[in-house]
């Protein structure tokens, strides 16, 4: 699990550059994170912290709005593949505050907003 988390930290630290070449990278990561969360390999809380603090500089994914897109995609995939009840259960057990993933400026993430 430690190696998995370290790998995700590395991926998230390069995501800002990768998005230029691969605009769907946040959605792709969301799919991976959803699978890992639903298989109970890593909790939503831990994934949330990685996303929230991730980026080239700590927290830079949050600043540019990518954190909201990744988390929104993750929740969307869980909802689509496992249903509302499983999503609600995972969210309730995590105590993750989705509002804290909103970017500080006027950028909004349509993917995340529907879960807030």
PDB file of N, CA and C in Angstrom:
ATOM      1  N   UNK A   1       0.823  -1.193   0.000  1.00  0.00           N
ATOM      2  CA  UNK A   1       0.000   0.000   0.000  1.00  0.00           C
ATOM      3  C   UNK A   1       0.872   1.264   0.000  1.00  0.00           C
ATOM      4  N   UNK A   2       1.961   1.236   0.734  1.00  0.00           N
ATOM      5  CA  UNK A   2       2.851   2.394   0.783  1.00  0.00           C
ATOM      6  C   UNK A   2       3.404   2.713  -0.599  1.00  0.00           C
ATOM      7  N   UNK A   3       3.808   1.678  -1.321  1.00  0.00           N
ATOM      8  CA  UNK A   3       4.347   1.895  -2.667  1.00  0.00           C
ATOM      9  C   UNK A   3       3.277   2.439  -3.606  1.00  0.00           C
ATOM     10  N   UNK A   4       2.058   1.959  -3.441  1.00  0.00           N
ATOM     11  CA  UNK A   4       0.943   2.432  -4.254  1.00  0.00           C
ATOM     12  C   UNK A   4       0.736   3.932  -4.029  1.00  0.00           C
ATOM     13  N   UNK A   5       0.712   4.336  -2.776  1.00  0.00           N
ATOM     14  CA  UNK A   5       0.509   5.744  -2.441  1.00  0.00           C
ATOM     15  C   UNK A   5       1.668   6.597  -2.962  1.00  0.00           C
ATOM     16  N   UNK A   6       2.888   6.106  -2.810  1.00  0.00           N
ATOM     17  CA  UNK A   6       4.046   6.848  -3.327  1.00  0.00           C
ATOM     18  C   UNK A   6       3.967   6.998  -4.849  1.00  0.00           C
ATOM     19  N   UNK A   7       3.504   5.957  -5.517  1.00  0.00           N
ATOM     20  CA  UNK A   7       3.332   6.025  -6.969  1.00  0.00           C
ATOM     21  C   UNK A   7       2.307   7.073  -7.363  1.00  0.00           C
ATOM     22  N   UNK A   8       1.195   7.120  -6.624  1.00  0.00           N
ATOM     23  CA  UNK A   8       0.170   8.124  -6.909  1.00  0.00           C
ATOM     24  C   UNK A   8       0.696   9.529  -6.651  1.00  0.00           C
ATOM     25  N   UNK A   9       1.483   9.698  -5.604  1.00  0.00           N
ATOM     26  CA  UNK A   9       2.072  11.013  -5.329  1.00  0.00           C
ATOM     27  C   UNK A   9       2.930  11.467  -6.508  1.00  0.00           C
ATOM     28  N   UNK A  10       3.685  10.537  -7.064  1.00  0.00           N
ATOM     29  CA  UNK A  10       4.540  10.852  -8.212  1.00  0.00           C
ATOM     30  C   UNK A  10       3.696  11.243  -9.424  1.00  0.00           C
ATOM     31  N   UNK A  11       2.660  10.461  -9.695  1.00  0.00           N
ATOM     32  CA  UNK A  11       1.774  10.756 -10.831  1.00  0.00           C
ATOM     33  C   UNK A  11       1.124  12.128 -10.647  1.00  0.00           C
ATOM     34  N   UNK A  12       0.617  12.388  -9.456  1.00  0.00           N
ATOM     35  CA  UNK A  12      -0.049  13.667  -9.200  1.00  0.00           C
ATOM     36  C   UNK A  12       0.921  14.845  -9.288  1.00  0.00           C
ATOM     37  N   UNK A  13       2.186  14.612  -8.967  1.00  0.00           N
ATOM     38  CA  UNK A  13       3.159  15.708  -9.027  1.00  0.00           C
ATOM     39  C   UNK A  13       3.475  16.123 -10.467  1.00  0.00           C
ATOM     40  N   UNK A  14       3.207  15.253 -11.420  1.00  0.00           N
ATOM     41  CA  UNK A  14       3.484  15.578 -12.831  1.00  0.00           C
ATOM     42  C   UNK A  14       2.212  15.827 -13.639  1.00  0.00           C
ATOM     43  N   UNK A  15       1.072  15.769 -12.981  1.00  0.00           N
ATOM     44  CA  UNK A  15      -0.204  15.849 -13.700  1.00  0.00           C
ATOM     45  C   UNK A  15      -0.421  17.180 -14.414  1.00  0.00           C
ATOM     46  N   UNK A  16      -0.016  18.266 -13.803  1.00  0.00           N
ATOM     47  CA  UNK A  16      -0.245  19.576 -14.427  1.00  0.00           C
ATOM     48  C   UNK A  16       0.381  19.648 -15.816  1.00  0.00           C
ATOM     49  N   UNK A  17       1.575  19.109 -15.971  1.00  0.00           N
ATOM     50  CA  UNK A  17       2.222  19.070 -17.287  1.00  0.00           C
ATOM     51  C   UNK A  17       1.555  18.050 -18.195  1.00  0.00           C
ATOM     52  N   UNK A  18       1.181  16.913 -17.647  1.00  0.00           N
ATOM     53  CA  UNK A  18       0.599  15.826 -18.439  1.00  0.00           C
ATOM     54  C   UNK A  18      -0.741  16.216 -19.049  1.00  0.00           C
ATOM     55  N   UNK A  19      -1.492  17.069 -18.365  1.00  0.00           N
ATOM     56  CA  UNK A  19      -2.823  17.459 -18.840  1.00  0.00           C
ATOM     57  C   UNK A  19      -2.748  18.184 -20.179  1.00  0.00           C
ATOM     58  N   UNK A  20      -1.657  18.872 -20.430  1.00  0.00           N
ATOM     59  CA  UNK A  20      -1.501  19.544 -21.724  1.00  0.00           C
ATOM     60  C   UNK A  20      -1.486  18.534 -22.868  1.00  0.00           C
ATOM     61  N   UNK A  21      -0.822  17.414 -22.656  1.00  0.00           N
ATOM     62  CA  UNK A  21      -0.734  16.375 -23.690  1.00  0.00           C
ATOM     63  C   UNK A  21      -1.888  15.381 -23.621  1.00  0.00           C
ATOM     64  N   UNK A  22      -2.435  15.202 -22.438  1.00  0.00           N
ATOM     65  CA  UNK A  22      -3.511  14.225 -22.230  1.00  0.00           C
ATOM     66  C   UNK A  22      -4.624  14.874 -21.411  1.00  0.00           C
ATOM     67  N   UNK A  23      -5.512  15.623 -22.083  1.00  0.00           N
ATOM     68  CA  UNK A  23      -6.553  16.367 -21.367  1.00  0.00           C
ATOM     69  C   UNK A  23      -7.501  15.496 -20.536  1.00  0.00           C
ATOM     70  N   UNK A  24      -7.599  14.220 -20.873  1.00  0.00           N
ATOM     71  CA  UNK A  24      -8.498  13.337 -20.124  1.00  0.00           C
ATOM     72  C   UNK A  24      -7.805  12.654 -18.944  1.00  0.00           C
ATOM     73  N   UNK A  25      -6.595  13.077 -18.634  1.00  0.00           N
ATOM     74  CA  UNK A  25      -5.840  12.472 -17.531  1.00  0.00           C
ATOM     75  C   UNK A  25      -6.601  12.502 -16.198  1.00  0.00           C
ATOM     76  N   UNK A  26      -7.283  13.607 -15.830  1.00  0.00           N
ATOM     77  CA  UNK A  26      -8.031  13.588 -14.568  1.00  0.00           C
ATOM     78  C   UNK A  26      -9.134  12.521 -14.548  1.00  0.00           C
ATOM     79  N   UNK A  27      -9.807  12.329 -15.686  1.00  0.00           N
ATOM     80  CA  UNK A  27     -10.845  11.294 -15.763  1.00  0.00           C
ATOM     81  C   UNK A  27     -10.232   9.905 -15.632  1.00  0.00           C
ATOM     82  N   UNK A  28      -9.116   9.700 -16.296  1.00  0.00           N
ATOM     83  CA  UNK A  28      -8.436   8.412 -16.245  1.00  0.00           C
ATOM     84  C   UNK A  28      -7.989   8.102 -14.814  1.00  0.00           C
ATOM     85  N   UNK A  29      -7.403   9.088 -14.155  1.00  0.00           N
ATOM     86  CA  UNK A  29      -6.997   8.903 -12.759  1.00  0.00           C
ATOM     87  C   UNK A  29      -8.203   8.630 -11.876  1.00  0.00           C
ATOM     88  N   UNK A  30      -9.303   9.328 -12.148  1.00  0.00           N
ATOM     89  CA  UNK A  30     -10.535   9.103 -11.390  1.00  0.00           C
ATOM     90  C   UNK A  30     -10.998   7.662 -11.483  1.00  0.00           C
ATOM     91  N   UNK A  31     -10.882   7.070 -12.668  1.00  0.00           N
ATOM     92  CA  UNK A  31     -11.248   5.655 -12.852  1.00  0.00           C
ATOM     93  C   UNK A  31     -10.355   4.740 -12.018  1.00  0.00           C
ATOM     94  N   UNK A  32      -9.061   5.023 -12.040  1.00  0.00           N
ATOM     95  CA  UNK A  32      -8.114   4.208 -11.263  1.00  0.00           C
ATOM     96  C   UNK A  32      -8.406   4.353  -9.770  1.00  0.00           C
ATOM     97  N   UNK A  33      -8.569   5.595  -9.311  1.00  0.00           N
ATOM     98  CA  UNK A  33      -8.840   5.826  -7.890  1.00  0.00           C
ATOM     99  C   UNK A  33     -10.151   5.168  -7.464  1.00  0.00           C
ATOM    100  N   UNK A  34     -11.179   5.244  -8.307  1.00  0.00           N
ATOM    101  CA  UNK A  34     -12.465   4.627  -7.976  1.00  0.00           C
ATOM    102  C   UNK A  34     -12.305   3.121  -7.773  1.00  0.00           C
ATOM    103  N   UNK A  35     -11.567   2.492  -8.651  1.00  0.00           N
ATOM    104  CA  UNK A  35     -11.338   1.046  -8.549  1.00  0.00           C
ATOM    105  C   UNK A  35     -10.597   0.711  -7.251  1.00  0.00           C
ATOM    106  N   UNK A  36      -9.597   1.471  -6.942  1.00  0.00           N
ATOM    107  CA  UNK A  36      -8.794   1.224  -5.740  1.00  0.00           C
ATOM    108  C   UNK A  36      -9.618   1.438  -4.476  1.00  0.00           C
ATOM    109  N   UNK A  37     -10.480   2.438  -4.492  1.00  0.00           N
ATOM    110  CA  UNK A  37     -11.336   2.722  -3.336  1.00  0.00           C
ATOM    111  C   UNK A  37     -12.383   1.624  -3.171  1.00  0.00           C
ATOM    112  N   UNK A  38     -13.045   1.243  -4.261  1.00  0.00           N
ATOM    113  CA  UNK A  38     -14.107   0.232  -4.146  1.00  0.00           C
ATOM    114  C   UNK A  38     -13.554  -1.153  -3.826  1.00  0.00           C
ATOM    115  N   UNK A  39     -12.299  -1.390  -4.146  1.00  0.00           N
ATOM    116  CA  UNK A  39     -11.660  -2.669  -3.793  1.00  0.00           C
ATOM    117  C   UNK A  39     -11.022  -2.603  -2.402  1.00  0.00           C
ATOM    118  N   UNK A  40     -11.217  -1.491  -1.708  1.00  0.00           N
ATOM    119  CA  UNK A  40     -10.710  -1.286  -0.343  1.00  0.00           C
ATOM    120  C   UNK A  40      -9.192  -1.393  -0.223  1.00  0.00           C
ATOM    121  N   UNK A  41      -8.490  -1.022  -1.283  1.00  0.00           N
ATOM    122  CA  UNK A  41      -7.025  -1.014  -1.222  1.00  0.00           C
ATOM    123  C   UNK A  41      -6.526   0.255  -0.541  1.00  0.00           C
ATOM    124  N   UNK A  42      -7.182   1.369  -0.847  1.00  0.00           N
ATOM    125  CA  UNK A  42      -6.870   2.661  -0.237  1.00  0.00           C
ATOM    126  C   UNK A  42      -8.216   3.353  -0.008  1.00  0.00           C
ATOM    127  N   UNK A  43      -8.360   4.047   1.119  1.00  0.00           N
ATOM    128  CA  UNK A  43      -9.642   4.688   1.437  1.00  0.00           C
ATOM    129  C   UNK A  43      -9.837   5.984   0.647  1.00  0.00           C
ATOM    130  N   UNK A  44     -11.089   6.407   0.545  1.00  0.00           N
ATOM    131  CA  UNK A  44     -11.402   7.690  -0.094  1.00  0.00           C
ATOM    132  C   UNK A  44     -10.696   8.820   0.650  1.00  0.00           C
ATOM    133  N   UNK A  45     -10.617   8.689   1.959  1.00  0.00           N
ATOM    134  CA  UNK A  45      -9.938   9.701   2.765  1.00  0.00           C
ATOM    135  C   UNK A  45      -8.478   9.861   2.350  1.00  0.00           C
ATOM    136  N   UNK A  46      -7.775   8.736   2.193  1.00  0.00           N
ATOM    137  CA  UNK A  46      -6.361   8.781   1.801  1.00  0.00           C
ATOM    138  C   UNK A  46      -6.195   9.316   0.379  1.00  0.00           C
ATOM    139  N   UNK A  47      -7.049   8.848  -0.530  1.00  0.00           N
ATOM    140  CA  UNK A  47      -6.996   9.339  -1.913  1.00  0.00           C
ATOM    141  C   UNK A  47      -7.295  10.835  -1.932  1.00  0.00           C
ATOM    142  N   UNK A  48      -8.291  11.248  -1.159  1.00  0.00           N
ATOM    143  CA  UNK A  48      -8.643  12.659  -1.080  1.00  0.00           C
ATOM    144  C   UNK A  48      -7.475  13.513  -0.618  1.00  0.00           C
ATOM    145  N   UNK A  49      -6.760  13.043   0.394  1.00  0.00           N
ATOM    146  CA  UNK A  49      -5.599  13.789   0.893  1.00  0.00           C
ATOM    147  C   UNK A  49      -4.514  13.886  -0.180  1.00  0.00           C
ATOM    148  N   UNK A  50      -4.276  12.777  -0.892  1.00  0.00           N
ATOM    149  CA  UNK A  50      -3.280  12.792  -1.974  1.00  0.00           C
ATOM    150  C   UNK A  50      -3.642  13.820  -3.041  1.00  0.00           C
ATOM    151  N   UNK A  51      -4.922  13.818  -3.435  1.00  0.00           N
ATOM    152  CA  UNK A  51      -5.388  14.743  -4.471  1.00  0.00           C
ATOM    153  C   UNK A  51      -5.304  16.185  -3.968  1.00  0.00           C
ATOM    154  N   UNK A  52      -5.786  16.410  -2.752  1.00  0.00           N
ATOM    155  CA  UNK A  52      -5.839  17.753  -2.172  1.00  0.00           C
ATOM    156  C   UNK A  52      -4.448  18.366  -2.053  1.00  0.00           C
ATOM    157  N   UNK A  53      -3.495  17.557  -1.623  1.00  0.00           N
ATOM    158  CA  UNK A  53      -2.139  18.063  -1.384  1.00  0.00           C
ATOM    159  C   UNK A  53      -1.223  17.901  -2.593  1.00  0.00           C
ATOM    160  N   UNK A  54      -1.715  17.269  -3.659  1.00  0.00           N
ATOM    161  CA  UNK A  54      -0.871  16.913  -4.796  1.00  0.00           C
ATOM    162  C   UNK A  54      -0.573  18.053  -5.746  1.00  0.00           C
ATOM    163  N   UNK A  55       0.365  17.776  -6.623  1.00  0.00           N
ATOM    164  CA  UNK A  55       0.755  18.737  -7.643  1.00  0.00           C
ATOM    165  C   UNK A  55       2.250  18.941  -7.646  1.00  0.00           C
ATOM    166  N   UNK A  56       2.680  19.736  -8.607  1.00  0.00           N
ATOM    167  CA  UNK A  56       4.107  20.057  -8.705  1.00  0.00           C
ATOM    168  C   UNK A  56       4.583  20.710  -7.411  1.00  0.00           C
ATOM    169  N   UNK A  57       3.792  21.637  -6.920  1.00  0.00           N
ATOM    170  CA  UNK A  57       3.969  22.224  -5.593  1.00  0.00           C
ATOM    171  C   UNK A  57       2.808  21.703  -4.757  1.00  0.00           C
ATOM    172  N   UNK A  58       3.016  21.457  -3.458  1.00  0.00           N
ATOM    173  CA  UNK A  58       1.907  20.954  -2.633  1.00  0.00           C
ATOM    174  C   UNK A  58       0.663  21.844  -2.752  1.00  0.00           C
ATOM    175  N   UNK A  59      -0.452  21.236  -3.114  1.00  0.00           N
ATOM    176  CA  UNK A  59      -1.712  21.964  -3.235  1.00  0.00           C
ATOM    177  C   UNK A  59      -1.950  22.626  -4.576  1.00  0.00           C
ATOM    178  N   UNK A  60      -1.014  22.494  -5.505  1.00  0.00           N
ATOM    179  CA  UNK A  60      -1.188  23.199  -6.786  1.00  0.00           C
ATOM    180  C   UNK A  60      -2.299  22.594  -7.645  1.00  0.00           C
ATOM    181  N   UNK A  61      -2.607  21.310  -7.474  1.00  0.00           N
ATOM    182  CA  UNK A  61      -3.739  20.732  -8.223  1.00  0.00           C
ATOM    183  C   UNK A  61      -5.040  21.396  -7.794  1.00  0.00           C
ATOM    184  N   UNK A  62      -5.122  21.732  -6.524  1.00  0.00           N
ATOM    185  CA  UNK A  62      -6.291  22.419  -5.987  1.00  0.00           C
ATOM    186  C   UNK A  62      -6.403  23.812  -6.606  1.00  0.00           C
ATOM    187  N   UNK A  63      -5.290  24.506  -6.667  1.00  0.00           N
ATOM    188  CA  UNK A  63      -5.256  25.878  -7.190  1.00  0.00           C
ATOM    189  C   UNK A  63      -5.756  25.973  -8.629  1.00  0.00           C
ATOM    190  N   UNK A  64      -5.372  25.014  -9.468  1.00  0.00           N
ATOM    191  CA  UNK A  64      -5.724  25.095 -10.890  1.00  0.00           C
ATOM    192  C   UNK A  64      -7.022  24.361 -11.232  1.00  0.00           C
ATOM    193  N   UNK A  65      -7.660  23.763 -10.238  1.00  0.00           N
ATOM    194  CA  UNK A  65      -8.945  23.108 -10.466  1.00  0.00           C
ATOM    195  C   UNK A  65      -8.863  21.635 -10.822  1.00  0.00           C
ATOM    196  N   UNK A  66      -7.663  21.090 -10.936  1.00  0.00           N
ATOM    197  CA  UNK A  66      -7.536  19.673 -11.295  1.00  0.00           C
ATOM    198  C   UNK A  66      -7.958  18.751 -10.154  1.00  0.00           C
ATOM    199  N   UNK A  67      -7.741  19.176  -8.911  1.00  0.00           N
ATOM    200  CA  UNK A  67      -8.128  18.345  -7.764  1.00  0.00           C
ATOM    201  C   UNK A  67      -9.635  18.077  -7.796  1.00  0.00           C
ATOM    202  N   UNK A  68     -10.416  19.114  -8.077  1.00  0.00           N
ATOM    203  CA  UNK A  68     -11.871  18.963  -8.139  1.00  0.00           C
ATOM    204  C   UNK A  68     -12.277  18.023  -9.272  1.00  0.00           C
ATOM    205  N   UNK A  69     -11.606  18.137 -10.413  1.00  0.00           N
ATOM    206  CA  UNK A  69     -11.928  17.269 -11.550  1.00  0.00           C
ATOM    207  C   UNK A  69     -11.593  15.807 -11.262  1.00  0.00           C
ATOM    208  N   UNK A  70     -10.454  15.565 -10.625  1.00  0.00           N
ATOM    209  CA  UNK A  70     -10.060  14.188 -10.317  1.00  0.00           C
ATOM    210  C   UNK A  70     -11.026  13.581  -9.305  1.00  0.00           C
ATOM    211  N   UNK A  71     -11.313  14.316  -8.230  1.00  0.00           N
ATOM    212  CA  UNK A  71     -12.221  13.795  -7.209  1.00  0.00           C
ATOM    213  C   UNK A  71     -13.624  13.613  -7.779  1.00  0.00           C
ATOM    214  N   UNK A  72     -14.083  14.581  -8.568  1.00  0.00           N
ATOM    215  CA  UNK A  72     -15.400  14.463  -9.194  1.00  0.00           C
ATOM    216  C   UNK A  72     -15.485  13.245 -10.094  1.00  0.00           C
ATOM    217  N   UNK A  73     -14.451  13.002 -10.873  1.00  0.00           N
ATOM    218  CA  UNK A  73     -14.416  11.820 -11.748  1.00  0.00           C
ATOM    219  C   UNK A  73     -14.421  10.535 -10.930  1.00  0.00           C
ATOM    220  N   UNK A  74     -13.675  10.535  -9.839  1.00  0.00           N
ATOM    221  CA  UNK A  74     -13.619   9.363  -8.964  1.00  0.00           C
ATOM    222  C   UNK A  74     -15.010   9.038  -8.429  1.00  0.00           C
ATOM    223  N   UNK A  75     -15.695  10.049  -7.905  1.00  0.00           N
ATOM    224  CA  UNK A  75     -17.034   9.843  -7.346  1.00  0.00           C
ATOM    225  C   UNK A  75     -18.027   9.427  -8.429  1.00  0.00           C
ATOM    226  N   UNK A  76     -17.895  10.019  -9.598  1.00  0.00           N
ATOM    227  CA  UNK A  76     -18.767   9.699 -10.732  1.00  0.00           C
ATOM    228  C   UNK A  76     -18.643   8.219 -11.119  1.00  0.00           C
ATOM    229  N   UNK A  77     -17.419   7.722 -11.181  1.00  0.00           N
ATOM    230  CA  UNK A  77     -17.193   6.323 -11.558  1.00  0.00           C
ATOM    231  C   UNK A  77     -17.743   5.389 -10.484  1.00  0.00           C
ATOM    232  N   UNK A  78     -17.513   5.713  -9.212  1.00  0.00           N
ATOM    233  CA  UNK A  78     -18.048   4.876  -8.131  1.00  0.00           C
ATOM    234  C   UNK A  78     -19.566   4.838  -8.223  1.00  0.00           C
ATOM    235  N   UNK A  79     -20.189   5.990  -8.422  1.00  0.00           N
ATOM    236  CA  UNK A  79     -21.646   6.065  -8.523  1.00  0.00           C
ATOM    237  C   UNK A  79     -22.154   5.247  -9.703  1.00  0.00           C
ATOM    238  N   UNK A  80     -21.502   5.390 -10.842  1.00  0.00           N
ATOM    239  CA  UNK A  80     -21.935   4.705 -12.059  1.00  0.00           C
ATOM    240  C   UNK A  80     -21.760   3.186 -11.951  1.00  0.00           C
ATOM    241  N   UNK A  81     -20.642   2.763 -11.389  1.00  0.00           N
ATOM    242  CA  UNK A  81     -20.342   1.333 -11.373  1.00  0.00           C
ATOM    243  C   UNK A  81     -20.880   0.598 -10.154  1.00  0.00           C
ATOM    244  N   UNK A  82     -21.016   1.299  -9.019  1.00  0.00           N
ATOM    245  CA  UNK A  82     -21.436   0.619  -7.786  1.00  0.00           C
ATOM    246  C   UNK A  82     -22.780   1.096  -7.253  1.00  0.00           C
ATOM    247  N   UNK A  83     -23.259   2.237  -7.753  1.00  0.00           N
ATOM    248  CA  UNK A  83     -24.561   2.736  -7.326  1.00  0.00           C
ATOM    249  C   UNK A  83     -24.481   3.772  -6.219  1.00  0.00           C
ATOM    250  N   UNK A  84     -25.632   4.439  -6.001  1.00  0.00           N
ATOM    251  CA  UNK A  84     -25.709   5.524  -5.024  1.00  0.00           C
ATOM    252  C   UNK A  84     -25.468   5.058  -3.595  1.00  0.00           C
ATOM    253  N   UNK A  85     -25.973   3.872  -3.245  1.00  0.00           N
ATOM    254  CA  UNK A  85     -25.839   3.420  -1.856  1.00  0.00           C
ATOM    255  C   UNK A  85     -24.382   3.155  -1.493  1.00  0.00           C
ATOM    256  N   UNK A  86     -23.631   2.543  -2.402  1.00  0.00           N
ATOM    257  CA  UNK A  86     -22.208   2.290  -2.139  1.00  0.00           C
ATOM    258  C   UNK A  86     -21.458   3.616  -2.074  1.00  0.00           C
ATOM    259  N   UNK A  87     -21.769   4.527  -2.985  1.00  0.00           N
ATOM    260  CA  UNK A  87     -21.128   5.844  -2.970  1.00  0.00           C
ATOM    261  C   UNK A  87     -21.414   6.553  -1.646  1.00  0.00           C
ATOM    262  N   UNK A  88     -22.656   6.529  -1.202  1.00  0.00           N
ATOM    263  CA  UNK A  88     -23.023   7.184   0.062  1.00  0.00           C
ATOM    264  C   UNK A  88     -22.278   6.570   1.237  1.00  0.00           C
ATOM    265  N   UNK A  89     -22.172   5.259   1.229  1.00  0.00           N
ATOM    266  CA  UNK A  89     -21.461   4.539   2.293  1.00  0.00           C
ATOM    267  C   UNK A  89     -19.980   4.943   2.326  1.00  0.00           C
ATOM    268  N   UNK A  90     -19.355   4.963   1.159  1.00  0.00           N
ATOM    269  CA  UNK A  90     -17.935   5.328   1.057  1.00  0.00           C
ATOM    270  C   UNK A  90     -17.729   6.774   1.503  1.00  0.00           C
ATOM    271  N   UNK A  91     -18.614   7.657   1.064  1.00  0.00           N
ATOM    272  CA  UNK A  91     -18.488   9.073   1.445  1.00  0.00           C
ATOM    273  C   UNK A  91     -18.683   9.262   2.938  1.00  0.00           C
ATOM    274  N   UNK A  92     -19.680   8.581   3.506  1.00  0.00           N
ATOM    275  CA  UNK A  92     -19.965   8.719   4.936  1.00  0.00           C
ATOM    276  C   UNK A  92     -18.799   8.217   5.786  1.00  0.00           C
ATOM    277  N   UNK A  93     -18.191   7.132   5.370  1.00  0.00           N
ATOM    278  CA  UNK A  93     -17.089   6.572   6.160  1.00  0.00           C
ATOM    279  C   UNK A  93     -15.807   7.395   6.035  1.00  0.00           C
ATOM    280  N   UNK A  94     -15.734   8.248   5.027  1.00  0.00           N
ATOM    281  CA  UNK A  94     -14.498   9.012   4.805  1.00  0.00           C
ATOM    282  C   UNK A  94     -14.467  10.346   5.548  1.00  0.00           C
ATOM    283  N   UNK A  95     -15.618  10.923   5.813  1.00  0.00           N
ATOM    284  CA  UNK A  95     -15.698  12.273   6.396  1.00  0.00           C
ATOM    285  C   UNK A  95     -14.942  13.312   5.573  1.00  0.00           C
ATOM    286  N   UNK A  96     -14.831  13.069   4.273  1.00  0.00           N
ATOM    287  CA  UNK A  96     -14.117  13.983   3.382  1.00  0.00           C
ATOM    288  C   UNK A  96     -15.016  15.177   3.062  1.00  0.00           C
ATOM    289  N   UNK A  97     -14.502  16.373   3.252  1.00  0.00           N
ATOM    290  CA  UNK A  97     -15.269  17.584   2.945  1.00  0.00           C
ATOM    291  C   UNK A  97     -15.043  17.956   1.485  1.00  0.00           C
ATOM    292  N   UNK A  98     -16.019  17.672   0.649  1.00  0.00           N
ATOM    293  CA  UNK A  98     -15.875  17.914  -0.784  1.00  0.00           C
ATOM    294  C   UNK A  98     -15.680  19.395  -1.100  1.00  0.00           C
ATOM    295  N   UNK A  99     -16.275  20.258  -0.280  1.00  0.00           N
ATOM    296  CA  UNK A  99     -16.157  21.702  -0.514  1.00  0.00           C
ATOM    297  C   UNK A  99     -14.701  22.153  -0.487  1.00  0.00           C
ATOM    298  N   UNK A 100     -13.871  21.447   0.264  1.00  0.00           N
ATOM    299  CA  UNK A 100     -12.468  21.860   0.388  1.00  0.00           C
ATOM    300  C   UNK A 100     -11.672  21.592  -0.890  1.00  0.00           C
ATOM    301  N   UNK A 101     -12.301  20.938  -1.861  1.00  0.00           N
ATOM    302  CA  UNK A 101     -11.632  20.664  -3.134  1.00  0.00           C
ATOM    303  C   UNK A 101     -11.971  21.701  -4.198  1.00  0.00           C
ATOM    304  N   UNK A 102     -12.841  22.636  -3.851  1.00  0.00           N
ATOM    305  CA  UNK A 102     -13.158  23.702  -4.804  1.00  0.00           C
ATOM    306  C   UNK A 102     -11.941  24.591  -4.989  1.00  0.00           C
ATOM    307  N   UNK A 103     -11.641  24.945  -6.241  1.00  0.00           N
ATOM    308  CA  UNK A 103     -10.511  25.853  -6.457  1.00  0.00           C
ATOM    309  C   UNK A 103     -10.806  27.213  -5.835  1.00  0.00           C
ATOM    310  N   UNK A 104      -9.764  27.922  -5.393  1.00  0.00           N
ATOM    311  CA  UNK A 104      -9.971  29.193  -4.695  1.00  0.00           C
ATOM    312  C   UNK A 104     -10.545  30.312  -5.561  1.00  0.00           C
ATOM    313  N   UNK A 105     -10.402  30.215  -6.876  1.00  0.00           N
ATOM    314  CA  UNK A 105     -10.925  31.281  -7.740  1.00  0.00           C
ATOM    315  C   UNK A 105     -12.302  30.900  -8.271  1.00  0.00           C
ATOM    316  N   UNK A 106     -12.722  31.501  -9.322  1.00  0.00           N
ATOM    317  CA  UNK A 106     -14.079  31.301  -9.827  1.00  0.00           C
ATOM    318  C   UNK A 106     -14.244  30.053 -10.697  1.00  0.00           C
ATOM    319  N   UNK A 107     -13.169  29.302 -10.895  1.00  0.00           N
ATOM    320  CA  UNK A 107     -13.272  28.068 -11.686  1.00  0.00           C
ATOM    321  C   UNK A 107     -14.140  27.076 -10.910  1.00  0.00           C
ATOM    322  N   UNK A 108     -15.097  26.460 -11.588  1.00  0.00           N
ATOM    323  CA  UNK A 108     -15.865  25.406 -10.923  1.00  0.00           C
ATOM    324  C   UNK A 108     -15.732  24.123 -11.718  1.00  0.00           C
ATOM    325  N   UNK A 109     -15.831  23.040 -11.000  1.00  0.00           N
ATOM    326  CA  UNK A 109     -15.757  21.730 -11.626  1.00  0.00           C
ATOM    327  C   UNK A 109     -17.159  21.151 -11.684  1.00  0.00           C
ATOM    328  N   UNK A 110     -17.683  21.009 -12.887  1.00  0.00           N
ATOM    329  CA  UNK A 110     -19.021  20.436 -13.036  1.00  0.00           C
ATOM    330  C   UNK A 110     -19.073  19.026 -12.456  1.00  0.00           C
ATOM    331  N   UNK A 111     -17.978  18.302 -12.587  1.00  0.00           N
ATOM    332  CA  UNK A 111     -17.937  16.935 -12.082  1.00  0.00           C
ATOM    333  C   UNK A 111     -18.083  16.888 -10.566  1.00  0.00           C
ATOM    334  N   UNK A 112     -17.408  17.777  -9.864  1.00  0.00           N
ATOM    335  CA  UNK A 112     -17.459  17.755  -8.402  1.00  0.00           C
ATOM    336  C   UNK A 112     -18.731  18.399  -7.871  1.00  0.00           C
ATOM    337  N   UNK A 113     -19.170  19.487  -8.482  1.00  0.00           N
ATOM    338  CA  UNK A 113     -20.311  20.247  -7.963  1.00  0.00           C
ATOM    339  C   UNK A 113     -21.565  19.397  -7.793  1.00  0.00           C
ATOM    340  N   UNK A 114     -21.761  18.406  -8.644  1.00  0.00           N
ATOM    341  CA  UNK A 114     -22.989  17.611  -8.519  1.00  0.00           C
ATOM    342  C   UNK A 114     -22.985  16.718  -7.282  1.00  0.00           C
ATOM    343  N   UNK A 115     -21.840  16.584  -6.624  1.00  0.00           N
ATOM    344  CA  UNK A 115     -21.767  15.772  -5.415  1.00  0.00           C
ATOM    345  C   UNK A 115     -21.775  16.617  -4.143  1.00  0.00           C
ATOM    346  N   UNK A 116     -21.709  17.935  -4.307  1.00  0.00           N
ATOM    347  CA  UNK A 116     -21.676  18.829  -3.135  1.00  0.00           C
ATOM    348  C   UNK A 116     -23.090  19.228  -2.755  1.00  0.00           C
TER     349      UNK A 116
END
